[in-house]
Amino acid sequence: MGNEQRRSGDTVSWLTAHMVWVTKYRYHVLTGDVQVRCRDLVKQICDSEDVRILKGVISKDHVHIHIDYRPSQKVSDLVKRLKGRISRRLQEEFPRLSKKYWGRHFWAIGYGVWSTGNITDKMVEDYLEHHRNPSNMDDDKIILE
């Protein structure tokens, strides 16, 4: 999992997040061929959205993925696309799932997401302090504390 920054035009970024979502009722349906197909769909959708999967796990009742994404992407939109496309495809390809999930709702409402990265708050504060101009020491408009 290297720090491969994204570069485009005048932008340099490395935005990463840990995302989690669960099956409705926490049913253990992500097993066997359904689990394999879910993994393949996550990879396929992320590839089409230019999202890099740094690491991921498909458990029996939830999905965890650690991703690197573009600054122009909204994580909420990405999760919506992942959950929607995966739900639709899994229910089309595995009719037995439709018996458990009437109304076509495969995933529970909501998701969890946490930003991740290679630097800490302390590192940012130290960086800003290092670049503080001594002539601005008494000017509260320059440095926010």
N, C-alpha and C. Protein backbone atom coordinates (compact mmCIF):
# COMPACT_ATOMS: atom_id res chain seq x y z
N MET A 1 0.86 -1.17 0.00
CA MET A 1 0.00 0.00 0.00
C MET A 1 0.90 1.23 0.00
N GLY A 2 1.34 1.63 -1.15
CA GLY A 2 2.23 2.77 -1.26
C GLY A 2 1.48 4.08 -1.36
N ASN A 3 2.19 5.14 -1.12
CA ASN A 3 1.63 6.48 -1.22
C ASN A 3 1.84 6.96 -2.65
N GLU A 4 0.96 6.55 -3.54
CA GLU A 4 1.04 6.97 -4.93
C GLU A 4 0.05 8.10 -5.14
N GLN A 5 0.57 9.32 -5.09
CA GLN A 5 -0.30 10.49 -5.22
C GLN A 5 -0.91 10.56 -6.61
N ARG A 6 -2.12 11.07 -6.65
CA ARG A 6 -2.80 11.29 -7.93
C ARG A 6 -2.41 12.67 -8.43
N ARG A 7 -2.14 12.76 -9.69
CA ARG A 7 -1.79 14.04 -10.30
C ARG A 7 -2.66 14.25 -11.53
N SER A 8 -3.24 15.44 -11.62
CA SER A 8 -4.01 15.80 -12.80
C SER A 8 -4.06 17.31 -12.88
N GLY A 9 -3.68 17.85 -14.02
CA GLY A 9 -3.69 19.29 -14.19
C GLY A 9 -2.86 19.97 -13.12
N ASP A 10 -3.52 20.78 -12.31
CA ASP A 10 -2.81 21.50 -11.25
C ASP A 10 -3.13 20.95 -9.86
N THR A 11 -3.55 19.67 -9.80
CA THR A 11 -3.94 19.08 -8.53
C THR A 11 -3.06 17.88 -8.19
N VAL A 12 -2.65 17.83 -6.94
CA VAL A 12 -1.95 16.66 -6.40
C VAL A 12 -2.73 16.23 -5.17
N SER A 13 -3.07 14.94 -5.09
CA SER A 13 -3.85 14.50 -3.94
C SER A 13 -3.53 13.05 -3.60
N TRP A 14 -3.85 12.71 -2.37
CA TRP A 14 -3.87 11.31 -1.92
C TRP A 14 -4.95 11.24 -0.87
N LEU A 15 -6.17 10.94 -1.31
CA LEU A 15 -7.33 10.87 -0.43
C LEU A 15 -7.71 9.42 -0.25
N THR A 16 -7.76 9.00 1.00
CA THR A 16 -8.09 7.61 1.29
C THR A 16 -9.20 7.54 2.33
N ALA A 17 -9.97 6.47 2.25
CA ALA A 17 -11.07 6.29 3.19
C ALA A 17 -11.31 4.81 3.43
N HIS A 18 -11.83 4.51 4.61
CA HIS A 18 -12.25 3.16 4.98
C HIS A 18 -13.77 3.19 4.98
N MET A 19 -14.38 2.34 4.17
CA MET A 19 -15.84 2.30 4.06
C MET A 19 -16.37 0.93 4.48
N VAL A 20 -17.53 0.95 5.12
CA VAL A 20 -18.17 -0.29 5.58
C VAL A 20 -19.67 -0.16 5.36
N TRP A 21 -20.28 -1.23 4.84
CA TRP A 21 -21.74 -1.30 4.79
C TRP A 21 -22.15 -2.75 5.01
N VAL A 22 -23.38 -2.93 5.49
CA VAL A 22 -23.84 -4.26 5.92
C VAL A 22 -25.07 -4.69 5.14
N THR A 23 -25.29 -6.01 5.13
CA THR A 23 -26.49 -6.54 4.51
C THR A 23 -27.70 -6.22 5.40
N LYS A 24 -28.84 -6.11 4.79
CA LYS A 24 -30.05 -5.84 5.55
C LYS A 24 -30.30 -6.99 6.52
N TYR A 25 -30.69 -6.65 7.72
CA TYR A 25 -30.92 -7.60 8.81
C TYR A 25 -29.65 -8.36 9.22
N ARG A 26 -28.50 -7.93 8.70
CA ARG A 26 -27.22 -8.60 8.96
C ARG A 26 -27.27 -10.09 8.61
N TYR A 27 -28.11 -10.44 7.63
CA TYR A 27 -28.16 -11.83 7.17
C TYR A 27 -26.80 -12.23 6.63
N HIS A 28 -26.40 -13.47 6.87
CA HIS A 28 -25.12 -14.00 6.42
C HIS A 28 -25.26 -14.57 5.01
N VAL A 29 -25.43 -13.69 4.03
CA VAL A 29 -25.66 -14.14 2.66
C VAL A 29 -24.44 -13.97 1.76
N LEU A 30 -23.42 -13.28 2.26
CA LEU A 30 -22.22 -13.08 1.45
C LEU A 30 -21.25 -14.24 1.70
N THR A 31 -21.65 -15.40 1.19
CA THR A 31 -20.84 -16.60 1.35
C THR A 31 -20.75 -17.31 0.00
N GLY A 32 -19.75 -18.15 -0.16
CA GLY A 32 -19.61 -18.96 -1.37
C GLY A 32 -19.58 -18.15 -2.64
N ASP A 33 -20.40 -18.57 -3.61
CA ASP A 33 -20.40 -17.91 -4.92
C ASP A 33 -20.91 -16.47 -4.85
N VAL A 34 -21.79 -16.17 -3.91
CA VAL A 34 -22.29 -14.79 -3.75
C VAL A 34 -21.15 -13.89 -3.26
N GLN A 35 -20.35 -14.39 -2.34
CA GLN A 35 -19.22 -13.63 -1.81
C GLN A 35 -18.19 -13.35 -2.91
N VAL A 36 -17.89 -14.36 -3.70
CA VAL A 36 -16.92 -14.20 -4.80
C VAL A 36 -17.45 -13.19 -5.81
N ARG A 37 -18.73 -13.30 -6.16
CA ARG A 37 -19.31 -12.36 -7.14
C ARG A 37 -19.35 -10.95 -6.58
N CYS A 38 -19.65 -10.80 -5.30
CA CYS A 38 -19.66 -9.48 -4.66
C CYS A 38 -18.27 -8.85 -4.75
N ARG A 39 -17.24 -9.63 -4.43
CA ARG A 39 -15.86 -9.14 -4.52
C ARG A 39 -15.55 -8.68 -5.94
N ASP A 40 -15.92 -9.49 -6.92
CA ASP A 40 -15.65 -9.14 -8.32
C ASP A 40 -16.38 -7.85 -8.72
N LEU A 41 -17.62 -7.70 -8.25
CA LEU A 41 -18.39 -6.49 -8.57
C LEU A 41 -17.78 -5.26 -7.91
N VAL A 42 -17.33 -5.38 -6.66
CA VAL A 42 -16.67 -4.25 -5.99
C VAL A 42 -15.45 -3.82 -6.81
N LYS A 43 -14.64 -4.78 -7.21
CA LYS A 43 -13.44 -4.47 -7.99
C LYS A 43 -13.80 -3.83 -9.33
N GLN A 44 -14.80 -4.38 -10.00
CA GLN A 44 -15.22 -3.87 -11.31
C GLN A 44 -15.75 -2.44 -11.21
N ILE A 45 -16.59 -2.19 -10.23
CA ILE A 45 -17.19 -0.86 -10.08
C ILE A 45 -16.13 0.16 -9.68
N CYS A 46 -15.26 -0.20 -8.76
CA CYS A 46 -14.19 0.72 -8.35
C CYS A 46 -13.29 1.03 -9.53
N ASP A 47 -12.98 0.04 -10.33
CA ASP A 47 -12.14 0.26 -11.51
C ASP A 47 -12.82 1.23 -12.48
N SER A 48 -14.13 1.06 -12.70
CA SER A 48 -14.85 1.94 -13.62
C SER A 48 -14.98 3.36 -13.08
N GLU A 49 -14.92 3.53 -11.76
CA GLU A 49 -15.03 4.85 -11.12
C GLU A 49 -13.66 5.47 -10.86
N ASP A 50 -12.58 4.83 -11.30
CA ASP A 50 -11.20 5.28 -11.07
C ASP A 50 -10.91 5.38 -9.57
N VAL A 51 -11.34 4.37 -8.85
CA VAL A 51 -11.09 4.26 -7.41
C VAL A 51 -10.14 3.10 -7.21
N ARG A 52 -9.07 3.33 -6.48
CA ARG A 52 -8.11 2.26 -6.20
C ARG A 52 -8.47 1.58 -4.89
N ILE A 53 -8.56 0.27 -4.92
CA ILE A 53 -8.79 -0.49 -3.69
C ILE A 53 -7.43 -0.79 -3.08
N LEU A 54 -7.19 -0.28 -1.89
CA LEU A 54 -5.93 -0.53 -1.20
C LEU A 54 -5.99 -1.86 -0.46
N LYS A 55 -7.15 -2.17 0.07
CA LYS A 55 -7.38 -3.44 0.77
C LYS A 55 -8.89 -3.58 0.94
N GLY A 56 -9.36 -4.80 1.00
CA GLY A 56 -10.78 -5.00 1.18
C GLY A 56 -11.10 -6.39 1.69
N VAL A 57 -12.24 -6.51 2.33
CA VAL A 57 -12.71 -7.79 2.85
C VAL A 57 -14.22 -7.87 2.64
N ILE A 58 -14.64 -8.99 2.07
CA ILE A 58 -16.07 -9.27 1.97
C ILE A 58 -16.37 -10.31 3.04
N SER A 59 -17.01 -9.91 4.11
CA SER A 59 -17.39 -10.83 5.18
C SER A 59 -18.77 -11.39 4.89
N LYS A 60 -19.26 -12.28 5.72
CA LYS A 60 -20.53 -12.93 5.44
C LYS A 60 -21.73 -11.99 5.52
N ASP A 61 -21.59 -10.85 6.23
CA ASP A 61 -22.72 -9.92 6.33
C ASP A 61 -22.32 -8.46 6.16
N HIS A 62 -21.10 -8.19 5.72
CA HIS A 62 -20.70 -6.80 5.48
C HIS A 62 -19.48 -6.71 4.59
N VAL A 63 -19.26 -5.50 4.07
CA VAL A 63 -18.14 -5.22 3.18
C VAL A 63 -17.29 -4.14 3.82
N HIS A 64 -15.99 -4.36 3.85
CA HIS A 64 -15.00 -3.35 4.27
C HIS A 64 -14.10 -3.07 3.08
N ILE A 65 -13.90 -1.82 2.72
CA ILE A 65 -12.88 -1.52 1.72
C ILE A 65 -12.13 -0.25 2.11
N HIS A 66 -10.85 -0.27 1.86
CA HIS A 66 -9.97 0.88 2.06
C HIS A 66 -9.60 1.35 0.67
N ILE A 67 -9.97 2.58 0.34
CA ILE A 67 -9.84 3.07 -1.03
C ILE A 67 -9.01 4.34 -1.12
N ASP A 68 -8.56 4.61 -2.32
CA ASP A 68 -7.92 5.87 -2.70
C ASP A 68 -8.80 6.43 -3.81
N TYR A 69 -9.26 7.67 -3.67
CA TYR A 69 -10.21 8.22 -4.63
C TYR A 69 -9.79 9.62 -5.08
N ARG A 70 -10.39 10.07 -6.18
CA ARG A 70 -10.09 11.40 -6.75
C ARG A 70 -10.75 12.51 -5.92
N PRO A 71 -10.16 13.70 -5.91
CA PRO A 71 -10.75 14.82 -5.16
C PRO A 71 -12.12 15.22 -5.69
N SER A 72 -12.40 14.95 -6.94
CA SER A 72 -13.69 15.34 -7.52
C SER A 72 -14.81 14.36 -7.16
N GLN A 73 -14.48 13.26 -6.51
CA GLN A 73 -15.48 12.26 -6.15
C GLN A 73 -16.06 12.52 -4.77
N LYS A 74 -17.35 12.28 -4.64
CA LYS A 74 -18.00 12.34 -3.33
C LYS A 74 -18.13 10.91 -2.83
N VAL A 75 -17.65 10.68 -1.62
CA VAL A 75 -17.70 9.34 -1.05
C VAL A 75 -19.15 8.85 -0.97
N SER A 76 -20.07 9.73 -0.61
CA SER A 76 -21.47 9.33 -0.50
C SER A 76 -22.02 8.83 -1.84
N ASP A 77 -21.65 9.49 -2.93
CA ASP A 77 -22.10 9.04 -4.25
C ASP A 77 -21.46 7.71 -4.62
N LEU A 78 -20.21 7.54 -4.27
CA LEU A 78 -19.52 6.29 -4.56
C LEU A 78 -20.18 5.12 -3.82
N VAL A 79 -20.48 5.31 -2.54
CA VAL A 79 -21.13 4.24 -1.77
C VAL A 79 -22.50 3.93 -2.37
N LYS A 80 -23.24 4.97 -2.75
CA LYS A 80 -24.56 4.77 -3.34
C LYS A 80 -24.46 3.93 -4.62
N ARG A 81 -23.48 4.24 -5.46
CA ARG A 81 -23.31 3.47 -6.70
C ARG A 81 -22.89 2.03 -6.40
N LEU A 82 -21.94 1.86 -5.48
CA LEU A 82 -21.50 0.50 -5.13
C LEU A 82 -22.66 -0.33 -4.59
N LYS A 83 -23.36 0.19 -3.60
CA LYS A 83 -24.45 -0.57 -3.00
C LYS A 83 -25.55 -0.85 -4.01
N GLY A 84 -25.91 0.13 -4.81
CA GLY A 84 -27.00 -0.04 -5.78
C GLY A 84 -26.67 -1.04 -6.87
N ARG A 85 -25.50 -0.90 -7.47
CA ARG A 85 -25.13 -1.80 -8.57
C ARG A 85 -24.91 -3.22 -8.07
N ILE A 86 -24.25 -3.37 -6.93
CA ILE A 86 -24.00 -4.70 -6.40
C ILE A 86 -25.32 -5.37 -6.02
N SER A 87 -26.20 -4.65 -5.37
CA SER A 87 -27.49 -5.21 -4.97
C SER A 87 -28.27 -5.69 -6.19
N ARG A 88 -28.36 -4.85 -7.19
CA ARG A 88 -29.12 -5.20 -8.38
C ARG A 88 -28.54 -6.44 -9.07
N ARG A 89 -27.21 -6.46 -9.25
CA ARG A 89 -26.59 -7.59 -9.94
C ARG A 89 -26.69 -8.89 -9.15
N LEU A 90 -26.44 -8.82 -7.84
CA LEU A 90 -26.51 -10.03 -7.03
C LEU A 90 -27.92 -10.62 -7.04
N GLN A 91 -28.92 -9.76 -6.94
CA GLN A 91 -30.30 -10.27 -6.92
C GLN A 91 -30.73 -10.80 -8.29
N GLU A 92 -30.18 -10.23 -9.37
CA GLU A 92 -30.46 -10.75 -10.71
C GLU A 92 -29.81 -12.12 -10.90
N GLU A 93 -28.56 -12.24 -10.46
CA GLU A 93 -27.78 -13.45 -10.71
C GLU A 93 -28.06 -14.57 -9.71
N PHE A 94 -28.56 -14.24 -8.54
CA PHE A 94 -28.84 -15.24 -7.50
C PHE A 94 -30.28 -15.07 -7.02
N PRO A 95 -31.22 -15.65 -7.74
CA PRO A 95 -32.65 -15.49 -7.41
C PRO A 95 -32.99 -15.87 -5.96
N ARG A 96 -32.22 -16.75 -5.34
CA ARG A 96 -32.50 -17.15 -3.96
C ARG A 96 -32.42 -15.95 -3.01
N LEU A 97 -31.66 -14.93 -3.38
CA LEU A 97 -31.54 -13.74 -2.53
C LEU A 97 -32.84 -12.95 -2.49
N SER A 98 -33.58 -12.97 -3.59
CA SER A 98 -34.84 -12.22 -3.65
C SER A 98 -35.87 -12.77 -2.67
N LYS A 99 -35.75 -14.04 -2.32
CA LYS A 99 -36.68 -14.63 -1.35
C LYS A 99 -36.43 -14.06 0.04
N LYS A 100 -35.18 -13.79 0.36
CA LYS A 100 -34.84 -13.20 1.66
C LYS A 100 -35.10 -11.69 1.67
N TYR A 101 -34.92 -11.07 0.52
CA TYR A 101 -34.97 -9.61 0.44
C TYR A 101 -36.09 -9.16 -0.47
N TRP A 102 -37.32 -9.28 -0.01
CA TRP A 102 -38.44 -8.78 -0.77
C TRP A 102 -38.32 -7.25 -0.82
N GLY A 103 -38.77 -6.66 -1.87
CA GLY A 103 -38.68 -5.21 -2.03
C GLY A 103 -37.34 -4.77 -2.58
N ARG A 104 -36.49 -5.73 -2.95
CA ARG A 104 -35.22 -5.47 -3.61
C ARG A 104 -34.22 -4.69 -2.75
N HIS A 105 -34.39 -4.66 -1.45
CA HIS A 105 -33.46 -3.97 -0.56
C HIS A 105 -32.47 -4.99 0.01
N PHE A 106 -31.27 -5.00 -0.52
CA PHE A 106 -30.27 -5.99 -0.14
C PHE A 106 -29.37 -5.49 1.00
N TRP A 107 -29.03 -4.22 0.96
CA TRP A 107 -28.15 -3.63 1.97
C TRP A 107 -28.97 -2.86 3.01
N ALA A 108 -28.46 -2.80 4.22
CA ALA A 108 -29.08 -1.97 5.25
C ALA A 108 -28.92 -0.50 4.87
N ILE A 109 -29.77 0.33 5.40
CA ILE A 109 -29.67 1.77 5.14
C ILE A 109 -28.40 2.29 5.80
N GLY A 110 -27.70 3.15 5.08
CA GLY A 110 -26.52 3.81 5.63
C GLY A 110 -25.23 3.06 5.39
N TYR A 111 -24.17 3.63 5.93
CA TYR A 111 -22.83 3.08 5.79
C TYR A 111 -21.92 3.81 6.77
N GLY A 112 -20.72 3.28 6.94
CA GLY A 112 -19.71 3.96 7.74
C GLY A 112 -18.55 4.35 6.86
N VAL A 113 -17.97 5.50 7.11
CA VAL A 113 -16.78 5.92 6.35
C VAL A 113 -15.89 6.74 7.27
N TRP A 114 -14.59 6.46 7.18
CA TRP A 114 -13.59 7.17 7.98
C TRP A 114 -12.44 7.55 7.07
N SER A 115 -12.02 8.80 7.15
CA SER A 115 -10.86 9.21 6.36
C SER A 115 -9.62 8.58 6.97
N THR A 116 -8.68 8.25 6.13
CA THR A 116 -7.42 7.67 6.57
C THR A 116 -6.30 8.44 5.90
N GLY A 117 -5.10 8.17 6.25
CA GLY A 117 -4.01 8.86 5.59
C GLY A 117 -2.68 8.52 6.19
N ASN A 118 -1.68 9.16 5.65
CA ASN A 118 -0.33 8.85 6.07
C ASN A 118 0.26 9.91 6.99
N ILE A 119 -0.55 10.88 7.40
CA ILE A 119 -0.05 11.90 8.32
C ILE A 119 -1.04 12.09 9.47
N THR A 120 -0.54 12.58 10.58
CA THR A 120 -1.39 12.80 11.75
C THR A 120 -1.71 14.30 11.88
N ASP A 121 -2.66 14.61 12.75
CA ASP A 121 -2.98 16.02 13.02
C ASP A 121 -1.74 16.74 13.55
N LYS A 122 -0.98 16.08 14.39
CA LYS A 122 0.23 16.67 14.97
C LYS A 122 1.23 17.02 13.87
N MET A 123 1.37 16.16 12.87
CA MET A 123 2.30 16.44 11.77
C MET A 123 1.87 17.69 10.99
N VAL A 124 0.57 17.84 10.77
CA VAL A 124 0.06 19.03 10.06
C VAL A 124 0.34 20.28 10.89
N GLU A 125 0.04 20.21 12.19
CA GLU A 125 0.29 21.36 13.06
C GLU A 125 1.77 21.73 13.08
N ASP A 126 2.65 20.75 13.16
CA ASP A 126 4.09 21.02 13.13
C ASP A 126 4.50 21.64 11.81
N TYR A 127 3.94 21.16 10.71
CA TYR A 127 4.24 21.70 9.39
C TYR A 127 3.83 23.16 9.30
N LEU A 128 2.62 23.46 9.77
CA LEU A 128 2.14 24.84 9.74
C LEU A 128 2.98 25.73 10.63
N GLU A 129 3.35 25.24 11.79
CA GLU A 129 4.19 26.02 12.71
C GLU A 129 5.55 26.30 12.08
N HIS A 130 6.09 25.33 11.39
CA HIS A 130 7.39 25.49 10.73
C HIS A 130 7.34 26.58 9.66
N HIS A 131 6.19 26.70 8.97
CA HIS A 131 6.05 27.68 7.90
C HIS A 131 5.50 29.02 8.36
N ARG A 132 5.34 29.17 9.63
CA ARG A 132 4.84 30.41 10.19
C ARG A 132 5.90 31.49 10.04
N ASN A 133 5.51 32.62 9.55
CA ASN A 133 6.43 33.74 9.35
C ASN A 133 6.59 34.48 10.68
N PRO A 134 7.82 34.63 11.19
CA PRO A 134 8.02 35.30 12.48
C PRO A 134 7.42 36.70 12.54
N SER A 135 7.33 37.39 11.41
CA SER A 135 6.78 38.75 11.43
C SER A 135 5.26 38.73 11.66
N ASN A 136 4.63 37.60 11.55
CA ASN A 136 3.18 37.49 11.73
C ASN A 136 2.79 36.91 13.08
N MET A 137 3.74 36.77 13.99
CA MET A 137 3.50 36.10 15.26
C MET A 137 2.32 36.68 16.05
N ASP A 138 2.09 37.97 15.98
CA ASP A 138 1.02 38.58 16.76
C ASP A 138 -0.26 38.80 15.96
N ASP A 139 -0.29 38.36 14.74
CA ASP A 139 -1.44 38.60 13.86
C ASP A 139 -2.36 37.38 13.86
N ASP A 140 -3.48 37.44 14.58
CA ASP A 140 -4.40 36.32 14.69
C ASP A 140 -5.08 35.98 13.36
N LYS A 141 -5.04 36.91 12.39
CA LYS A 141 -5.68 36.65 11.12
C LYS A 141 -4.84 35.71 10.25
N ILE A 142 -3.58 35.55 10.56
CA ILE A 142 -2.71 34.70 9.75
C ILE A 142 -2.71 33.27 10.25
N ILE A 143 -2.52 33.08 11.54
CA ILE A 143 -2.46 31.75 12.12
C ILE A 143 -3.72 31.49 12.92
N LEU A 144 -4.39 30.40 12.59
CA LEU A 144 -5.58 30.00 13.33
C LEU A 144 -5.18 28.98 14.37
N GLU A 145 -5.53 29.21 15.60
CA GLU A 145 -5.15 28.29 16.69
C GLU A 145 -6.38 27.65 17.27
